[in-house]
N, C-alpha and C. Protein backbone atom coordinates (compact mmCIF):
# COMPACT_ATOMS: atom_id res chain seq x y z
N ALA A 1 103.12 113.03 170.02
CA ALA A 1 102.62 111.75 169.56
C ALA A 1 103.72 110.98 168.83
N GLU A 2 104.47 111.67 167.98
CA GLU A 2 105.54 111.01 167.23
C GLU A 2 106.64 110.51 168.18
N PHE A 3 106.99 111.31 169.17
CA PHE A 3 107.99 110.93 170.17
C PHE A 3 107.52 109.66 170.90
N ASN A 4 106.27 109.63 171.33
CA ASN A 4 105.72 108.47 172.02
C ASN A 4 105.68 107.24 171.12
N ARG A 5 105.32 107.44 169.86
CA ARG A 5 105.29 106.31 168.92
C ARG A 5 106.68 105.71 168.77
N MET A 6 107.67 106.57 168.56
CA MET A 6 109.03 106.09 168.38
C MET A 6 109.55 105.43 169.66
N ALA A 7 109.18 105.97 170.83
CA ALA A 7 109.65 105.43 172.12
C ALA A 7 109.19 103.99 172.33
N ARG A 8 108.06 103.63 171.76
CA ARG A 8 107.53 102.28 171.93
C ARG A 8 108.18 101.25 171.01
N GLU A 9 108.93 101.72 170.03
CA GLU A 9 109.53 100.80 169.06
C GLU A 9 110.79 100.15 169.62
N PRO A 10 111.08 98.91 169.19
CA PRO A 10 112.29 98.22 169.65
C PRO A 10 113.54 99.03 169.29
N SER A 11 114.59 98.80 170.05
CA SER A 11 115.88 99.46 169.82
C SER A 11 115.79 100.97 169.90
N THR A 12 114.93 101.47 170.80
CA THR A 12 114.81 102.90 171.04
C THR A 12 114.97 103.16 172.53
N LEU A 13 115.77 104.16 172.87
CA LEU A 13 115.96 104.57 174.26
C LEU A 13 115.61 106.05 174.40
N ILE A 14 115.03 106.40 175.53
CA ILE A 14 114.83 107.81 175.87
C ILE A 14 115.98 108.17 176.80
N LEU A 15 116.71 109.21 176.45
CA LEU A 15 117.84 109.66 177.26
C LEU A 15 117.50 110.98 177.94
N ASP A 16 117.66 111.00 179.24
CA ASP A 16 117.53 112.22 180.03
C ASP A 16 118.93 112.60 180.47
N ALA A 17 119.46 113.67 179.90
CA ALA A 17 120.84 114.08 180.17
C ALA A 17 120.92 115.17 181.24
N ARG A 18 119.81 115.40 181.94
CA ARG A 18 119.82 116.36 183.04
C ARG A 18 120.56 115.77 184.23
N SER A 19 120.76 116.55 185.25
CA SER A 19 121.46 116.07 186.44
C SER A 19 120.71 114.91 187.07
N ALA A 20 121.43 114.10 187.83
CA ALA A 20 120.80 112.98 188.53
C ALA A 20 119.74 113.49 189.50
N ASP A 21 119.97 114.65 190.11
CA ASP A 21 119.01 115.23 191.03
C ASP A 21 117.71 115.62 190.32
N ALA A 22 117.84 116.29 189.18
CA ALA A 22 116.65 116.68 188.41
C ALA A 22 115.89 115.44 187.94
N TYR A 23 116.62 114.44 187.48
CA TYR A 23 116.00 113.19 187.03
C TYR A 23 115.23 112.54 188.19
N ALA A 24 115.84 112.51 189.36
CA ALA A 24 115.19 111.90 190.53
C ALA A 24 113.91 112.64 190.91
N GLN A 25 113.86 113.95 190.65
CA GLN A 25 112.66 114.73 190.97
C GLN A 25 111.53 114.49 189.99
N GLY A 26 111.86 114.06 188.77
CA GLY A 26 110.84 113.78 187.77
C GLY A 26 111.46 113.60 186.40
N HIS A 27 110.87 112.69 185.62
CA HIS A 27 111.37 112.40 184.29
C HIS A 27 110.31 111.66 183.49
N ILE A 28 110.53 111.53 182.20
CA ILE A 28 109.62 110.76 181.36
C ILE A 28 109.83 109.28 181.69
N GLU A 29 108.73 108.59 181.87
CA GLU A 29 108.78 107.17 182.23
C GLU A 29 109.63 106.38 181.24
N GLY A 30 110.51 105.56 181.79
CA GLY A 30 111.36 104.71 180.96
C GLY A 30 112.66 105.36 180.52
N ALA A 31 112.84 106.64 180.82
CA ALA A 31 114.06 107.33 180.39
C ALA A 31 115.27 106.82 181.17
N VAL A 32 116.38 106.74 180.47
CA VAL A 32 117.67 106.41 181.06
C VAL A 32 118.34 107.73 181.41
N ASN A 33 118.92 107.81 182.59
CA ASN A 33 119.59 109.05 182.99
C ASN A 33 121.10 108.89 182.88
N LEU A 34 121.71 109.77 182.11
CA LEU A 34 123.15 109.94 182.08
C LEU A 34 123.39 111.43 181.97
N PRO A 35 123.78 112.07 183.08
CA PRO A 35 124.00 113.52 183.03
C PRO A 35 125.00 113.90 181.94
N PHE A 36 124.68 114.96 181.25
CA PHE A 36 125.51 115.46 180.15
C PHE A 36 126.97 115.60 180.58
N THR A 37 127.19 116.06 181.80
CA THR A 37 128.56 116.28 182.29
C THR A 37 129.32 114.96 182.48
N ASP A 38 128.61 113.84 182.45
CA ASP A 38 129.25 112.54 182.64
C ASP A 38 129.48 111.78 181.33
N PHE A 39 129.23 112.43 180.19
CA PHE A 39 129.42 111.75 178.90
C PHE A 39 130.90 111.41 178.69
N THR A 40 131.16 110.15 178.48
CA THR A 40 132.47 109.65 178.04
C THR A 40 132.17 108.48 177.12
N ASP A 41 133.18 108.00 176.41
CA ASP A 41 132.95 106.81 175.59
C ASP A 41 132.40 105.67 176.43
N GLN A 42 133.01 105.44 177.58
CA GLN A 42 132.60 104.31 178.42
C GLN A 42 131.21 104.51 179.02
N SER A 43 130.92 105.69 179.56
CA SER A 43 129.61 105.89 180.20
C SER A 43 128.48 105.80 179.17
N LEU A 44 128.71 106.30 177.97
CA LEU A 44 127.69 106.21 176.92
C LEU A 44 127.49 104.77 176.47
N ARG A 45 128.58 104.03 176.36
CA ARG A 45 128.48 102.63 175.96
C ARG A 45 127.69 101.82 177.00
N VAL A 46 127.90 102.11 178.28
CA VAL A 46 127.18 101.41 179.35
C VAL A 46 125.70 101.80 179.32
N ALA A 47 125.41 103.08 179.23
CA ALA A 47 124.02 103.56 179.30
C ALA A 47 123.22 103.28 178.04
N LEU A 48 123.86 103.45 176.88
CA LEU A 48 123.14 103.38 175.61
C LEU A 48 123.44 102.11 174.81
N ARG A 49 124.48 101.42 175.22
CA ARG A 49 124.89 100.18 174.56
C ARG A 49 125.29 100.40 173.11
N ASP A 50 124.47 100.00 172.20
CA ASP A 50 124.76 99.98 170.77
C ASP A 50 124.68 101.40 170.16
N PRO A 51 125.74 101.87 169.50
CA PRO A 51 125.70 103.21 168.88
C PRO A 51 124.63 103.36 167.81
N SER A 52 124.09 102.25 167.30
CA SER A 52 123.06 102.36 166.27
C SER A 52 121.65 102.45 166.86
N VAL A 53 121.53 102.35 168.18
CA VAL A 53 120.21 102.45 168.83
C VAL A 53 119.61 103.83 168.54
N ARG A 54 118.30 103.88 168.41
CA ARG A 54 117.64 105.19 168.26
C ARG A 54 117.55 105.81 169.64
N ILE A 55 117.97 107.06 169.74
CA ILE A 55 117.97 107.78 171.02
C ILE A 55 117.03 108.97 170.90
N LEU A 56 116.10 109.05 171.84
CA LEU A 56 115.19 110.19 171.93
C LEU A 56 115.63 111.04 173.11
N ILE A 57 115.79 112.33 172.89
CA ILE A 57 116.24 113.22 173.95
C ILE A 57 115.21 114.31 174.20
N TYR A 58 115.25 114.85 175.41
CA TYR A 58 114.41 115.98 175.77
C TYR A 58 115.17 116.81 176.80
N CYS A 59 114.71 118.03 177.01
CA CYS A 59 115.34 118.89 178.02
C CYS A 59 114.27 119.75 178.68
N ASN A 60 114.71 120.58 179.59
CA ASN A 60 113.78 121.46 180.33
C ASN A 60 112.89 122.27 179.40
N ASN A 61 113.45 122.72 178.28
CA ASN A 61 112.70 123.61 177.39
C ASN A 61 111.59 122.90 176.62
N ASN A 62 111.47 121.58 176.77
CA ASN A 62 110.37 120.87 176.15
C ASN A 62 109.11 120.90 177.02
N PHE A 63 109.19 121.51 178.19
CA PHE A 63 108.06 121.53 179.11
C PHE A 63 107.62 122.96 179.38
N SER A 64 106.33 123.18 179.32
CA SER A 64 105.77 124.52 179.49
C SER A 64 105.64 124.91 180.95
N ASN A 65 105.86 123.98 181.86
CA ASN A 65 105.59 124.22 183.28
C ASN A 65 106.50 125.27 183.92
N ASN A 66 107.78 125.32 183.53
CA ASN A 66 108.75 126.22 184.14
C ASN A 66 108.68 126.11 185.66
N ALA A 67 108.69 124.87 186.13
CA ALA A 67 108.63 124.55 187.56
C ALA A 67 109.56 123.37 187.81
N GLN A 68 110.02 123.24 189.04
CA GLN A 68 110.91 122.12 189.37
C GLN A 68 110.29 120.82 188.92
N PRO A 69 111.01 119.95 188.31
CA PRO A 69 112.45 120.00 188.04
C PRO A 69 112.79 120.44 186.62
N VAL A 70 111.92 121.18 185.97
CA VAL A 70 112.18 121.61 184.59
C VAL A 70 112.08 123.13 184.45
N ILE A 71 113.02 123.81 185.07
CA ILE A 71 113.10 125.26 184.96
C ILE A 71 113.66 125.59 183.58
N LEU A 72 112.98 126.48 182.86
CA LEU A 72 113.39 126.82 181.50
C LEU A 72 114.77 127.46 181.47
N LYS A 73 115.49 127.19 180.38
CA LYS A 73 116.79 127.79 180.12
C LYS A 73 116.66 128.64 178.87
N ARG A 74 117.64 129.46 178.59
CA ARG A 74 117.65 130.17 177.33
C ARG A 74 117.66 129.14 176.20
N VAL A 75 116.92 129.41 175.16
CA VAL A 75 116.79 128.44 174.07
C VAL A 75 118.15 128.03 173.51
N GLU A 76 119.03 129.00 173.32
CA GLU A 76 120.34 128.69 172.75
C GLU A 76 121.21 127.85 173.70
N LEU A 77 120.81 127.75 174.97
CA LEU A 77 121.55 126.95 175.94
C LEU A 77 120.80 125.69 176.34
N ALA A 78 119.73 125.40 175.64
CA ALA A 78 118.94 124.21 175.95
C ALA A 78 119.82 122.97 175.88
N LEU A 79 119.66 122.09 176.84
CA LEU A 79 120.51 120.92 176.95
C LEU A 79 120.40 119.99 175.75
N ASN A 80 119.25 119.95 175.09
CA ASN A 80 119.14 119.00 173.97
C ASN A 80 120.06 119.37 172.81
N ILE A 81 120.42 120.63 172.65
CA ILE A 81 121.35 121.04 171.59
C ILE A 81 122.73 120.47 171.87
N GLN A 82 123.24 120.69 173.07
CA GLN A 82 124.57 120.16 173.43
C GLN A 82 124.57 118.64 173.47
N THR A 83 123.47 118.06 173.95
CA THR A 83 123.38 116.61 174.01
C THR A 83 123.45 116.03 172.61
N PHE A 84 122.69 116.59 171.68
CA PHE A 84 122.70 116.11 170.30
C PHE A 84 124.11 116.19 169.71
N ILE A 85 124.75 117.33 169.85
CA ILE A 85 126.09 117.53 169.29
C ILE A 85 127.08 116.53 169.88
N ASN A 86 127.03 116.34 171.19
CA ASN A 86 127.95 115.41 171.83
C ASN A 86 127.67 113.96 171.45
N LEU A 87 126.41 113.57 171.43
CA LEU A 87 126.10 112.21 171.02
C LEU A 87 126.61 111.95 169.60
N TYR A 88 126.40 112.90 168.72
CA TYR A 88 126.87 112.77 167.35
C TYR A 88 128.40 112.62 167.33
N GLY A 89 129.07 113.44 168.12
CA GLY A 89 130.53 113.38 168.21
C GLY A 89 131.05 112.06 168.74
N TYR A 90 130.28 111.42 169.61
CA TYR A 90 130.65 110.12 170.15
C TYR A 90 130.21 108.97 169.24
N GLY A 91 129.64 109.27 168.10
CA GLY A 91 129.29 108.24 167.13
C GLY A 91 127.85 107.79 167.11
N TYR A 92 127.00 108.43 167.89
CA TYR A 92 125.57 108.09 167.90
C TYR A 92 124.88 108.97 166.87
N ARG A 93 124.41 108.37 165.78
CA ARG A 93 123.87 109.12 164.66
C ARG A 93 122.35 109.08 164.57
N ASN A 94 121.72 108.21 165.34
CA ASN A 94 120.28 108.01 165.26
C ASN A 94 119.61 108.71 166.45
N VAL A 95 119.72 110.03 166.50
CA VAL A 95 119.27 110.83 167.65
C VAL A 95 118.15 111.77 167.23
N TYR A 96 117.10 111.80 168.03
CA TYR A 96 115.94 112.65 167.77
C TYR A 96 115.56 113.39 169.05
N GLY A 97 115.15 114.62 168.92
CA GLY A 97 114.71 115.40 170.06
C GLY A 97 113.21 115.55 170.09
N LEU A 98 112.67 115.67 171.28
CA LEU A 98 111.25 115.99 171.42
C LEU A 98 111.07 117.39 170.84
N ALA A 99 110.27 117.50 169.81
CA ALA A 99 110.12 118.76 169.09
C ALA A 99 109.05 119.66 169.70
N ASP A 100 108.23 119.12 170.56
CA ASP A 100 107.10 119.87 171.10
C ASP A 100 107.41 120.46 172.47
N VAL A 101 106.58 121.39 172.86
CA VAL A 101 106.57 121.90 174.23
C VAL A 101 105.29 121.36 174.86
N VAL A 102 105.46 120.61 175.93
CA VAL A 102 104.33 119.92 176.54
C VAL A 102 104.25 120.23 178.03
N ASP A 103 103.12 119.95 178.61
CA ASP A 103 102.91 120.08 180.05
C ASP A 103 103.20 118.73 180.67
N PHE A 104 104.13 118.67 181.63
CA PHE A 104 104.46 117.36 182.19
C PHE A 104 103.32 116.75 182.98
N ASN A 105 102.27 117.50 183.24
CA ASN A 105 101.08 116.95 183.89
C ASN A 105 100.13 116.25 182.92
N ASP A 106 100.36 116.41 181.63
CA ASP A 106 99.55 115.74 180.61
C ASP A 106 99.84 114.23 180.69
N PRO A 107 98.84 113.40 180.91
CA PRO A 107 99.07 111.95 181.06
C PRO A 107 99.79 111.32 179.87
N SER A 108 99.64 111.87 178.68
CA SER A 108 100.30 111.28 177.51
C SER A 108 101.82 111.46 177.55
N VAL A 109 102.32 112.36 178.38
CA VAL A 109 103.75 112.59 178.51
C VAL A 109 104.41 111.44 179.28
N GLY A 110 103.68 110.85 180.21
CA GLY A 110 104.24 109.75 181.00
C GLY A 110 105.25 110.22 182.03
N TRP A 111 105.00 111.38 182.63
CA TRP A 111 105.91 111.95 183.62
C TRP A 111 105.85 111.16 184.92
N VAL A 112 107.01 110.84 185.46
CA VAL A 112 107.12 110.11 186.72
C VAL A 112 107.80 111.00 187.74
N GLN A 113 107.19 111.15 188.89
CA GLN A 113 107.82 111.92 189.98
C GLN A 113 108.23 110.97 191.09
N SER A 114 109.38 111.25 191.66
CA SER A 114 109.87 110.40 192.75
C SER A 114 109.23 110.79 194.06
């Protein structure tokens, strides 16, 4: 609920840092896709624009389904940890992660499948 509330506020972006293929198979509605492996100063500036924007992130481990396109990873290797660290390193300080584990079939999640 908190993630959804924040997502609706101005100057907030949802970032999906999974691969372009995983994003194409399904993602949270309205999320911007920039694969973690493509992070550079320029790519982040294009995708996220202003470094002061609030960024909401999520990864496979936020979903209980353990089905394509969100196959669970080891917790210590969850993409949101590396994404947070890298965004911080690139100067993005207003970053929040989805703290819950949800079912992507729950309508409140806003999951979109291609």
